[in-house]
Amino acid sequence: MKQHNRKSFGGRLALLTAAVIWGSSFIVMKDAVNDVPVFLLLAIRFTFACLLLAAVFFRRLMQIGRRLIAHGMVCGVLLLAAYASQTFGLMTTTPGKNAFLTAVYCVLVPFMSWAAYRRRPTAYNWTAAVMCIAGIGLVSLSGSLIIAAGDALTLLSGIFFALHIMALSHFGQTDDPVALTIVQFATVALLAWLGSLLTEHGASFPAPGVWPQLIYLTVFATAATLLLQSIGQKLTPPSQSAILLSLESVFSVIFSVLLGRETLTLQLVSGFALIFLSVIVSETQLSFLKRSS
């Protein structure tokens, strides 16, 4: 029993650590993108993350066949679209807003499942959708009722993240998850290098002062968090995993406020709260309340 409790605690700690790292990564990305063009930044991040995972899990590379490569390329295209639109959006919005608006993918997935697999959303999903839309309005709409370009791009990234989750969930039923991750990281890296060559003419190699940020994003915010998430979700029930991972957006705002990047208003806090609660309702169906009652 004690061993089970230790494993359960270890799983929750792994997920919470991943959420903290991901929350802090929005600020690191915000700083890095001021010095490094978006595609070059993503190319470096995913190239080294791919090499690191391939070195650690080199035996899994033997499981990579044509079918898995095709699946990994589809996931990689969607992942690049998600990260590129999120990072371009981050250039003109705050880290906290970027994190919370990206989190709408949690609410979108059930409706995409409805379209793809005819799995009708529950009343909780519909409630979460309404809450999320209201939260987006509070976070993004200005006095002229116009959504800023950075916020719109971030919302677009949420759509791509939702599509990526759908693809990953579908292919993950038959493919080795680590091998699939390595292939999709390689796809993101190759496409990002191509995007940099075609659109970021004259982009120079990052200065030495930027490399600590790039190393943090590569080692901690990409490779390490993937491992922590895999370990944590194996030892933690899905509903609790969703709650812990969704804290990523909360930690992003905390770091942003502490470092002076975010000025909180009642409207903004209300919007953040609605989006966060919509994620909890959509992901958990409030099952943790049912068990406790």
C-alpha atoms as a PDB file:
ATOM      1  CA  MET A   1       0.000   0.000   0.000  1.00  0.00           C
ATOM      2  CA  LYS A   2       2.819   2.371   0.920  1.00  0.00           C
ATOM      3  CA  GLN A   3       4.593   1.551  -2.344  1.00  0.00           C
ATOM      4  CA  HIS A   4       1.395   2.324  -4.269  1.00  0.00           C
ATOM      5  CA  ASN A   5       1.060   5.653  -2.453  1.00  0.00           C
ATOM      6  CA  ARG A   6       4.668   6.520  -3.228  1.00  0.00           C
ATOM      7  CA  LYS A   7       4.134   5.721  -6.913  1.00  0.00           C
ATOM      8  CA  SER A   8       0.917   7.734  -6.954  1.00  0.00           C
ATOM      9  CA  PHE A   9       2.663  10.690  -5.322  1.00  0.00           C
ATOM     10  CA  GLY A  10       5.583  10.349  -7.745  1.00  0.00           C
ATOM     11  CA  GLY A  11       3.222  10.402 -10.714  1.00  0.00           C
ATOM     12  CA  ARG A  12       1.473  13.546  -9.500  1.00  0.00           C
ATOM     13  CA  LEU A  13       4.804  15.209  -8.774  1.00  0.00           C
ATOM     14  CA  ALA A  14       6.018  14.388 -12.296  1.00  0.00           C
ATOM     15  CA  LEU A  15       2.913  15.968 -13.863  1.00  0.00           C
ATOM     16  CA  LEU A  16       3.080  19.017 -11.614  1.00  0.00           C
ATOM     17  CA  THR A  17       6.772  19.492 -12.483  1.00  0.00           C
ATOM     18  CA  ALA A  18       5.937  19.273 -16.177  1.00  0.00           C
ATOM     19  CA  ALA A  19       3.212  21.900 -15.727  1.00  0.00           C
ATOM     20  CA  VAL A  20       5.612  24.249 -13.924  1.00  0.00           C
ATOM     21  CA  ILE A  21       8.263  23.880 -16.648  1.00  0.00           C
ATOM     22  CA  TRP A  22       5.738  24.400 -19.442  1.00  0.00           C
ATOM     23  CA  GLY A  23       4.331  27.405 -17.610  1.00  0.00           C
ATOM     24  CA  SER A  24       7.769  28.995 -17.375  1.00  0.00           C
ATOM     25  CA  SER A  25       8.558  28.191 -21.014  1.00  0.00           C
ATOM     26  CA  PHE A  26       6.134  30.843 -22.305  1.00  0.00           C
ATOM     27  CA  ILE A  27       8.308  33.582 -20.814  1.00  0.00           C
ATOM     28  CA  VAL A  28      11.499  31.934 -22.052  1.00  0.00           C
ATOM     29  CA  MET A  29      10.006  31.686 -25.549  1.00  0.00           C
ATOM     30  CA  LYS A  30       8.880  35.321 -25.377  1.00  0.00           C
ATOM     31  CA  ASP A  31      12.450  36.406 -24.622  1.00  0.00           C
ATOM     32  CA  ALA A  32      14.056  34.053 -27.152  1.00  0.00           C
ATOM     33  CA  VAL A  33      11.800  35.085 -30.030  1.00  0.00           C
ATOM     34  CA  ASN A  34      12.954  38.684 -29.586  1.00  0.00           C
ATOM     35  CA  ASP A  35      16.430  37.580 -30.703  1.00  0.00           C
ATOM     36  CA  VAL A  36      15.820  34.513 -32.872  1.00  0.00           C
ATOM     37  CA  PRO A  37      13.346  34.266 -35.804  1.00  0.00           C
ATOM     38  CA  VAL A  38      10.433  31.911 -35.159  1.00  0.00           C
ATOM     39  CA  PHE A  39      11.270  29.131 -37.633  1.00  0.00           C
ATOM     40  CA  LEU A  40      14.972  29.154 -36.750  1.00  0.00           C
ATOM     41  CA  LEU A  41      14.086  28.955 -33.051  1.00  0.00           C
ATOM     42  CA  LEU A  42      11.735  26.010 -33.629  1.00  0.00           C
ATOM     43  CA  ALA A  43      14.272  24.316 -35.908  1.00  0.00           C
ATOM     44  CA  ILE A  44      16.979  24.446 -33.245  1.00  0.00           C
ATOM     45  CA  ARG A  45      14.606  23.444 -30.444  1.00  0.00           C
ATOM     46  CA  PHE A  46      13.187  20.377 -32.170  1.00  0.00           C
ATOM     47  CA  THR A  47      16.432  19.288 -33.830  1.00  0.00           C
ATOM     48  CA  PHE A  48      18.228  18.957 -30.512  1.00  0.00           C
ATOM     49  CA  ALA A  49      15.149  17.532 -28.764  1.00  0.00           C
ATOM     50  CA  CYS A  50      14.899  14.881 -31.469  1.00  0.00           C
ATOM     51  CA  LEU A  51      18.610  14.025 -31.203  1.00  0.00           C
ATOM     52  CA  LEU A  52      18.377  13.856 -27.416  1.00  0.00           C
ATOM     53  CA  LEU A  53      15.380  11.487 -27.454  1.00  0.00           C
ATOM     54  CA  ALA A  54      16.987   9.379 -30.192  1.00  0.00           C
ATOM     55  CA  ALA A  55      20.153   9.045 -28.104  1.00  0.00           C
ATOM     56  CA  VAL A  56      18.273   8.085 -24.926  1.00  0.00           C
ATOM     57  CA  PHE A  57      15.798   5.726 -26.631  1.00  0.00           C
ATOM     58  CA  PHE A  58      17.980   4.527 -29.508  1.00  0.00           C
ATOM     59  CA  ARG A  59      16.592   0.966 -29.236  1.00  0.00           C
ATOM     60  CA  ARG A  60      13.123   2.287 -30.068  1.00  0.00           C
ATOM     61  CA  LEU A  61      14.451   3.431 -33.440  1.00  0.00           C
ATOM     62  CA  MET A  62      14.402  -0.220 -34.525  1.00  0.00           C
ATOM     63  CA  GLN A  63      10.604  -0.068 -34.369  1.00  0.00           C
ATOM     64  CA  ILE A  64      10.362   2.727 -36.929  1.00  0.00           C
ATOM     65  CA  GLY A  65       8.826   1.491 -40.181  1.00  0.00           C
ATOM     66  CA  ARG A  66       7.180   3.148 -43.166  1.00  0.00           C
ATOM     67  CA  ARG A  67       3.749   3.246 -41.567  1.00  0.00           C
ATOM     68  CA  LEU A  68       5.050   4.855 -38.377  1.00  0.00           C
ATOM     69  CA  ILE A  69       7.069   7.369 -40.411  1.00  0.00           C
ATOM     70  CA  ALA A  70       3.923   8.374 -42.311  1.00  0.00           C
ATOM     71  CA  HIS A  71       1.985   8.748 -39.068  1.00  0.00           C
ATOM     72  CA  GLY A  72       4.821  10.717 -37.466  1.00  0.00           C
ATOM     73  CA  MET A  73       4.983  13.077 -40.443  1.00  0.00           C
ATOM     74  CA  VAL A  74       1.258  13.857 -40.174  1.00  0.00           C
ATOM     75  CA  CYS A  75       1.647  14.569 -36.449  1.00  0.00           C
ATOM     76  CA  GLY A  76       4.787  16.610 -37.142  1.00  0.00           C
ATOM     77  CA  VAL A  77       3.056  18.860 -39.685  1.00  0.00           C
ATOM     78  CA  LEU A  78       0.237  19.576 -37.227  1.00  0.00           C
ATOM     79  CA  LEU A  79       2.701  20.132 -34.368  1.00  0.00           C
ATOM     80  CA  LEU A  80       4.739  22.621 -36.427  1.00  0.00           C
ATOM     81  CA  ALA A  81       1.574  24.504 -37.412  1.00  0.00           C
ATOM     82  CA  ALA A  82       0.564  24.644 -33.740  1.00  0.00           C
ATOM     83  CA  TYR A  83       3.938  25.815 -32.421  1.00  0.00           C
ATOM     84  CA  ALA A  84       4.533  28.271 -35.267  1.00  0.00           C
ATOM     85  CA  SER A  85       1.156  30.010 -34.878  1.00  0.00           C
ATOM     86  CA  GLN A  86       1.560  29.991 -31.082  1.00  0.00           C
ATOM     87  CA  THR A  87       5.062  31.490 -31.264  1.00  0.00           C
ATOM     88  CA  PHE A  88       4.111  34.131 -33.844  1.00  0.00           C
ATOM     89  CA  GLY A  89       1.183  35.004 -31.595  1.00  0.00           C
ATOM     90  CA  LEU A  90       3.480  35.234 -28.576  1.00  0.00           C
ATOM     91  CA  MET A  91       5.404  38.014 -30.316  1.00  0.00           C
ATOM     92  CA  THR A  92       2.463  40.411 -29.888  1.00  0.00           C
ATOM     93  CA  THR A  93       0.682  39.157 -26.775  1.00  0.00           C
ATOM     94  CA  THR A  94       1.636  38.382 -23.184  1.00  0.00           C
ATOM     95  CA  PRO A  95       2.879  34.956 -22.002  1.00  0.00           C
ATOM     96  CA  GLY A  96      -0.142  34.520 -19.719  1.00  0.00           C
ATOM     97  CA  LYS A  97      -2.715  35.252 -22.422  1.00  0.00           C
ATOM     98  CA  ASN A  98      -0.781  33.043 -24.848  1.00  0.00           C
ATOM     99  CA  ALA A  99      -0.886  30.140 -22.392  1.00  0.00           C
ATOM    100  CA  PHE A 100      -4.574  30.440 -21.549  1.00  0.00           C
ATOM    101  CA  LEU A 101      -5.740  30.949 -25.132  1.00  0.00           C
ATOM    102  CA  THR A 102      -3.702  27.936 -26.253  1.00  0.00           C
ATOM    103  CA  ALA A 103      -5.458  25.839 -23.594  1.00  0.00           C
ATOM    104  CA  VAL A 104      -8.739  26.008 -25.547  1.00  0.00           C
ATOM    105  CA  TYR A 105      -7.575  22.861 -27.370  1.00  0.00           C
ATOM    106  CA  CYS A 106      -8.780  20.885 -24.331  1.00  0.00           C
ATOM    107  CA  VAL A 107     -12.316  22.114 -24.960  1.00  0.00           C
ATOM    108  CA  LEU A 108     -12.140  21.630 -28.746  1.00  0.00           C
ATOM    109  CA  VAL A 109     -11.100  17.967 -28.759  1.00  0.00           C
ATOM    110  CA  PRO A 110     -14.524  16.515 -27.748  1.00  0.00           C
ATOM    111  CA  PHE A 111     -16.215  18.403 -30.593  1.00  0.00           C
ATOM    112  CA  MET A 112     -13.588  17.264 -33.097  1.00  0.00           C
ATOM    113  CA  SER A 113     -14.196  13.700 -31.886  1.00  0.00           C
ATOM    114  CA  TRP A 114     -17.891  14.275 -32.592  1.00  0.00           C
ATOM    115  CA  ALA A 115     -17.084  15.282 -36.180  1.00  0.00           C
ATOM    116  CA  ALA A 116     -14.575  12.473 -36.747  1.00  0.00           C
ATOM    117  CA  TYR A 117     -15.988   9.552 -34.772  1.00  0.00           C
ATOM    118  CA  ARG A 118     -19.617  10.550 -34.074  1.00  0.00           C
ATOM    119  CA  ARG A 119     -18.907  10.632 -30.329  1.00  0.00           C
ATOM    120  CA  ARG A 120     -21.528  13.079 -29.147  1.00  0.00           C
ATOM    121  CA  PRO A 121     -20.223  15.684 -26.639  1.00  0.00           C
ATOM    122  CA  THR A 122     -21.671  15.504 -23.135  1.00  0.00           C
ATOM    123  CA  ALA A 123     -23.514  18.255 -21.299  1.00  0.00           C
ATOM    124  CA  TYR A 124     -20.216  18.960 -19.527  1.00  0.00           C
ATOM    125  CA  ASN A 125     -18.504  19.547 -22.888  1.00  0.00           C
ATOM    126  CA  TRP A 126     -21.208  21.993 -23.982  1.00  0.00           C
ATOM    127  CA  THR A 127     -21.033  23.819 -20.646  1.00  0.00           C
ATOM    128  CA  ALA A 128     -17.251  24.003 -20.935  1.00  0.00           C
ATOM    129  CA  ALA A 129     -17.512  25.387 -24.473  1.00  0.00           C
ATOM    130  CA  VAL A 130     -19.787  28.229 -23.357  1.00  0.00           C
ATOM    131  CA  MET A 131     -17.495  29.021 -20.411  1.00  0.00           C
ATOM    132  CA  CYS A 132     -14.449  28.949 -22.674  1.00  0.00           C
ATOM    133  CA  ILE A 133     -15.985  31.293 -25.263  1.00  0.00           C
ATOM    134  CA  ALA A 134     -16.908  33.740 -22.495  1.00  0.00           C
ATOM    135  CA  GLY A 135     -13.386  33.513 -21.089  1.00  0.00           C
ATOM    136  CA  ILE A 136     -11.827  34.111 -24.514  1.00  0.00           C
ATOM    137  CA  GLY A 137     -13.984  37.200 -24.911  1.00  0.00           C
ATOM    138  CA  LEU A 138     -12.841  38.612 -21.569  1.00  0.00           C
ATOM    139  CA  VAL A 139      -9.170  37.858 -22.267  1.00  0.00           C
ATOM    140  CA  SER A 140      -8.992  38.880 -25.928  1.00  0.00           C
ATOM    141  CA  LEU A 141     -11.642  41.455 -26.827  1.00  0.00           C
ATOM    142  CA  SER A 142     -10.673  45.092 -26.582  1.00  0.00           C
ATOM    143  CA  GLY A 143     -13.074  47.991 -26.106  1.00  0.00           C
ATOM    144  CA  SER A 144     -13.715  47.984 -29.850  1.00  0.00           C
ATOM    145  CA  LEU A 145     -14.664  44.268 -29.725  1.00  0.00           C
ATOM    146  CA  ILE A 146     -11.704  43.326 -31.937  1.00  0.00           C
ATOM    147  CA  ILE A 147      -9.403  40.394 -31.191  1.00  0.00           C
ATOM    148  CA  ALA A 148      -5.744  41.402 -31.554  1.00  0.00           C
ATOM    149  CA  ALA A 149      -3.614  39.577 -34.131  1.00  0.00           C
ATOM    150  CA  GLY A 150      -1.449  37.886 -31.487  1.00  0.00           C
ATOM    151  CA  ASP A 151      -4.489  36.528 -29.659  1.00  0.00           C
ATOM    152  CA  ALA A 152      -6.064  35.332 -32.937  1.00  0.00           C
ATOM    153  CA  LEU A 153      -2.888  33.455 -33.883  1.00  0.00           C
ATOM    154  CA  THR A 154      -2.788  31.890 -30.421  1.00  0.00           C
ATOM    155  CA  LEU A 155      -6.397  30.706 -30.809  1.00  0.00           C
ATOM    156  CA  LEU A 156      -5.426  29.245 -34.194  1.00  0.00           C
ATOM    157  CA  SER A 157      -2.614  27.357 -32.489  1.00  0.00           C
ATOM    158  CA  GLY A 158      -5.200  25.896 -30.101  1.00  0.00           C
ATOM    159  CA  ILE A 159      -7.060  24.449 -33.093  1.00  0.00           C
ATOM    160  CA  PHE A 160      -3.857  22.884 -34.455  1.00  0.00           C
ATOM    161  CA  PHE A 161      -2.963  21.487 -31.015  1.00  0.00           C
ATOM    162  CA  ALA A 162      -6.429  19.895 -30.850  1.00  0.00           C
ATOM    163  CA  LEU A 163      -5.947  18.338 -34.302  1.00  0.00           C
ATOM    164  CA  HIS A 164      -2.498  17.118 -33.213  1.00  0.00           C
ATOM    165  CA  ILE A 165      -3.979  15.457 -30.124  1.00  0.00           C
ATOM    166  CA  MET A 166      -6.617  13.763 -32.276  1.00  0.00           C
ATOM    167  CA  ALA A 167      -3.974  12.420 -34.669  1.00  0.00           C
ATOM    168  CA  LEU A 168      -1.673  11.355 -31.845  1.00  0.00           C
ATOM    169  CA  SER A 169      -4.497   9.576 -30.042  1.00  0.00           C
ATOM    170  CA  HIS A 170      -5.466   7.732 -33.237  1.00  0.00           C
ATOM    171  CA  PHE A 171      -1.958   6.673 -34.275  1.00  0.00           C
ATOM    172  CA  GLY A 172      -0.840   6.009 -30.703  1.00  0.00           C
ATOM    173  CA  GLN A 173      -3.198   3.023 -30.514  1.00  0.00           C
ATOM    174  CA  THR A 174      -0.893   1.021 -32.788  1.00  0.00           C
ATOM    175  CA  ASP A 175       2.449   2.886 -32.856  1.00  0.00           C
ATOM    176  CA  ASP A 176       5.186   3.008 -30.229  1.00  0.00           C
ATOM    177  CA  PRO A 177       4.721   6.443 -28.577  1.00  0.00           C
ATOM    178  CA  VAL A 178       8.437   7.195 -28.163  1.00  0.00           C
ATOM    179  CA  ALA A 179       9.303   6.240 -31.746  1.00  0.00           C
ATOM    180  CA  LEU A 180       6.315   8.239 -32.980  1.00  0.00           C
ATOM    181  CA  THR A 181       7.495  11.255 -30.961  1.00  0.00           C
ATOM    182  CA  ILE A 182      11.010  11.026 -32.412  1.00  0.00           C
ATOM    183  CA  VAL A 183       9.647  10.963 -35.983  1.00  0.00           C
ATOM    184  CA  GLN A 184       7.291  13.882 -35.413  1.00  0.00           C
ATOM    185  CA  PHE A 185      10.079  15.911 -33.773  1.00  0.00           C
ATOM    186  CA  ALA A 186      12.303  15.174 -36.790  1.00  0.00           C
ATOM    187  CA  THR A 187       9.486  16.300 -39.110  1.00  0.00           C
ATOM    188  CA  VAL A 188       9.013  19.552 -37.197  1.00  0.00           C
ATOM    189  CA  ALA A 189      12.768  20.195 -37.281  1.00  0.00           C
ATOM    190  CA  LEU A 190      13.085  19.585 -41.044  1.00  0.00           C
ATOM    191  CA  LEU A 191      10.056  21.722 -41.923  1.00  0.00           C
ATOM    192  CA  ALA A 192      11.182  24.495 -39.568  1.00  0.00           C
ATOM    193  CA  TRP A 193      14.650  24.547 -41.169  1.00  0.00           C
ATOM    194  CA  LEU A 194      12.939  24.763 -44.584  1.00  0.00           C
ATOM    195  CA  GLY A 195      10.664  27.551 -43.360  1.00  0.00           C
ATOM    196  CA  SER A 196      13.649  29.457 -42.018  1.00  0.00           C
ATOM    197  CA  LEU A 197      15.571  29.122 -45.294  1.00  0.00           C
ATOM    198  CA  LEU A 198      12.576  30.282 -47.360  1.00  0.00           C
ATOM    199  CA  THR A 199      11.236  33.120 -45.205  1.00  0.00           C
ATOM    200  CA  GLU A 200      13.936  34.261 -42.796  1.00  0.00           C
ATOM    201  CA  HIS A 201      16.545  35.515 -45.215  1.00  0.00           C
ATOM    202  CA  GLY A 202      19.710  36.736 -43.586  1.00  0.00           C
ATOM    203  CA  ALA A 203      18.864  35.143 -40.232  1.00  0.00           C
ATOM    204  CA  SER A 204      22.095  34.716 -38.319  1.00  0.00           C
ATOM    205  CA  PHE A 205      23.017  31.917 -35.942  1.00  0.00           C
ATOM    206  CA  PRO A 206      21.837  32.737 -32.402  1.00  0.00           C
ATOM    207  CA  ALA A 207      24.256  34.764 -30.278  1.00  0.00           C
ATOM    208  CA  PRO A 208      25.873  33.020 -27.272  1.00  0.00           C
ATOM    209  CA  GLY A 209      23.626  34.924 -24.865  1.00  0.00           C
ATOM    210  CA  VAL A 210      20.495  33.246 -26.279  1.00  0.00           C
ATOM    211  CA  TRP A 211      21.746  29.670 -25.961  1.00  0.00           C
ATOM    212  CA  PRO A 212      20.794  29.227 -22.274  1.00  0.00           C
ATOM    213  CA  GLN A 213      17.182  29.927 -23.293  1.00  0.00           C
ATOM    214  CA  LEU A 214      17.405  27.525 -26.238  1.00  0.00           C
ATOM    215  CA  ILE A 215      18.928  24.797 -24.062  1.00  0.00           C
ATOM    216  CA  TYR A 216      16.167  25.261 -21.483  1.00  0.00           C
ATOM    217  CA  LEU A 217      13.465  24.999 -24.161  1.00  0.00           C
ATOM    218  CA  THR A 218      15.093  21.948 -25.742  1.00  0.00           C
ATOM    219  CA  VAL A 219      16.168  19.895 -22.748  1.00  0.00           C
ATOM    220  CA  PHE A 220      13.592  20.851 -20.132  1.00  0.00           C
ATOM    221  CA  ALA A 221      10.507  22.245 -21.923  1.00  0.00           C
ATOM    222  CA  THR A 222      10.526  19.605 -24.682  1.00  0.00           C
ATOM    223  CA  ALA A 223      12.444  16.396 -23.937  1.00  0.00           C
ATOM    224  CA  ALA A 224      12.243  16.296 -20.109  1.00  0.00           C
ATOM    225  CA  THR A 225       8.579  17.307 -19.923  1.00  0.00           C
ATOM    226  CA  LEU A 226       7.673  14.613 -22.458  1.00  0.00           C
ATOM    227  CA  LEU A 227       9.300  12.023 -20.210  1.00  0.00           C
ATOM    228  CA  LEU A 228       7.660  13.454 -17.071  1.00  0.00           C
ATOM    229  CA  GLN A 229       4.261  13.449 -18.752  1.00  0.00           C
ATOM    230  CA  SER A 230       4.660   9.831 -19.894  1.00  0.00           C
ATOM    231  CA  ILE A 231       5.666   8.710 -16.380  1.00  0.00           C
ATOM    232  CA  GLY A 232       3.040  10.810 -14.635  1.00  0.00           C
ATOM    233  CA  GLN A 233       0.095   9.732 -16.781  1.00  0.00           C
ATOM    234  CA  LYS A 234       1.037   6.085 -16.326  1.00  0.00           C
ATOM    235  CA  LEU A 235       0.751   6.432 -12.527  1.00  0.00           C
ATOM    236  CA  THR A 236      -2.130   8.937 -12.294  1.00  0.00           C
ATOM    237  CA  PRO A 237      -5.834   8.631 -13.238  1.00  0.00           C
ATOM    238  CA  PRO A 238      -6.736  10.571 -16.422  1.00  0.00           C
ATOM    239  CA  SER A 239      -9.011  13.103 -14.682  1.00  0.00           C
ATOM    240  CA  GLN A 240      -6.319  14.006 -12.152  1.00  0.00           C
ATOM    241  CA  SER A 241      -3.676  14.134 -14.891  1.00  0.00           C
ATOM    242  CA  ALA A 242      -5.787  16.653 -16.813  1.00  0.00           C
ATOM    243  CA  ILE A 243      -6.137  18.912 -13.775  1.00  0.00           C
ATOM    244  CA  LEU A 244      -2.401  18.859 -13.010  1.00  0.00           C
ATOM    245  CA  LEU A 245      -1.343  19.454 -16.623  1.00  0.00           C
ATOM    246  CA  SER A 246      -3.869  22.271 -17.086  1.00  0.00           C
ATOM    247  CA  LEU A 247      -2.065  24.145 -14.293  1.00  0.00           C
ATOM    248  CA  GLU A 248       0.496  25.005 -16.990  1.00  0.00           C
ATOM    249  CA  SER A 249      -1.522  28.096 -17.909  1.00  0.00           C
ATOM    250  CA  VAL A 250      -1.857  29.129 -14.253  1.00  0.00           C
ATOM    251  CA  PHE A 251       1.895  28.843 -13.669  1.00  0.00           C
ATOM    252  CA  SER A 252       2.501  30.867 -16.829  1.00  0.00           C
ATOM    253  CA  VAL A 253       0.485  33.776 -15.415  1.00  0.00           C
ATOM    254  CA  ILE A 254       2.181  33.461 -12.002  1.00  0.00           C
ATOM    255  CA  PHE A 255       5.652  33.647 -13.574  1.00  0.00           C
ATOM    256  CA  SER A 256       4.535  36.432 -15.887  1.00  0.00           C
ATOM    257  CA  VAL A 257       3.170  38.542 -13.033  1.00  0.00           C
ATOM    258  CA  LEU A 258       6.188  37.905 -10.767  1.00  0.00           C
ATOM    259  CA  LEU A 259       8.559  38.971 -13.547  1.00  0.00           C
ATOM    260  CA  GLY A 260       6.534  42.061 -14.428  1.00  0.00           C
ATOM    261  CA  ARG A 261       5.352  40.813 -17.827  1.00  0.00           C
ATOM    262  CA  GLU A 262       1.651  40.823 -16.992  1.00  0.00           C
ATOM    263  CA  THR A 263      -0.632  43.415 -15.423  1.00  0.00           C
ATOM    264  CA  LEU A 264      -3.717  41.735 -14.042  1.00  0.00           C
ATOM    265  CA  THR A 265      -7.124  43.381 -14.245  1.00  0.00           C
ATOM    266  CA  LEU A 266     -10.460  42.070 -12.997  1.00  0.00           C
ATOM    267  CA  GLN A 267     -11.550  41.403 -16.583  1.00  0.00           C
ATOM    268  CA  LEU A 268      -8.367  39.463 -17.355  1.00  0.00           C
ATOM    269  CA  VAL A 269      -8.496  37.417 -14.149  1.00  0.00           C
ATOM    270  CA  SER A 270     -12.168  36.611 -14.789  1.00  0.00           C
ATOM    271  CA  GLY A 271     -11.327  35.450 -18.310  1.00  0.00           C
ATOM    272  CA  PHE A 272      -8.421  33.308 -17.107  1.00  0.00           C
ATOM    273  CA  ALA A 273     -10.656  31.747 -14.436  1.00  0.00           C
ATOM    274  CA  LEU A 274     -13.409  30.891 -16.934  1.00  0.00           C
ATOM    275  CA  ILE A 275     -10.974  29.308 -19.407  1.00  0.00           C
ATOM    276  CA  PHE A 276      -9.274  27.323 -16.643  1.00  0.00           C
ATOM    277  CA  LEU A 277     -12.593  26.089 -15.261  1.00  0.00           C
ATOM    278  CA  SER A 278     -13.793  25.182 -18.763  1.00  0.00           C
ATOM    279  CA  VAL A 279     -10.711  22.996 -19.208  1.00  0.00           C
ATOM    280  CA  ILE A 280     -11.358  21.274 -15.867  1.00  0.00           C
ATOM    281  CA  VAL A 281     -15.042  20.678 -16.679  1.00  0.00           C
ATOM    282  CA  SER A 282     -14.307  19.397 -20.198  1.00  0.00           C
ATOM    283  CA  GLU A 283     -11.397  17.147 -19.249  1.00  0.00           C
ATOM    284  CA  THR A 284     -12.666  15.666 -15.978  1.00  0.00           C
ATOM    285  CA  GLN A 285     -16.470  15.803 -16.322  1.00  0.00           C
ATOM    286  CA  LEU A 286     -16.213  16.737 -12.600  1.00  0.00           C
ATOM    287  CA  SER A 287     -15.623  13.064 -11.816  1.00  0.00           C
ATOM    288  CA  PHE A 288     -13.477  13.965  -8.804  1.00  0.00           C
ATOM    289  CA  LEU A 289     -16.528  15.597  -7.185  1.00  0.00           C
ATOM    290  CA  LYS A 290     -18.674  12.543  -7.818  1.00  0.00           C
ATOM    291  CA  ARG A 291     -16.144  10.254  -6.139  1.00  0.00           C
ATOM    292  CA  SER A 292     -15.865  12.469  -3.063  1.00  0.00           C
ATOM    293  CA  SER A 293     -19.615  12.760  -2.538  1.00  0.00           C
END
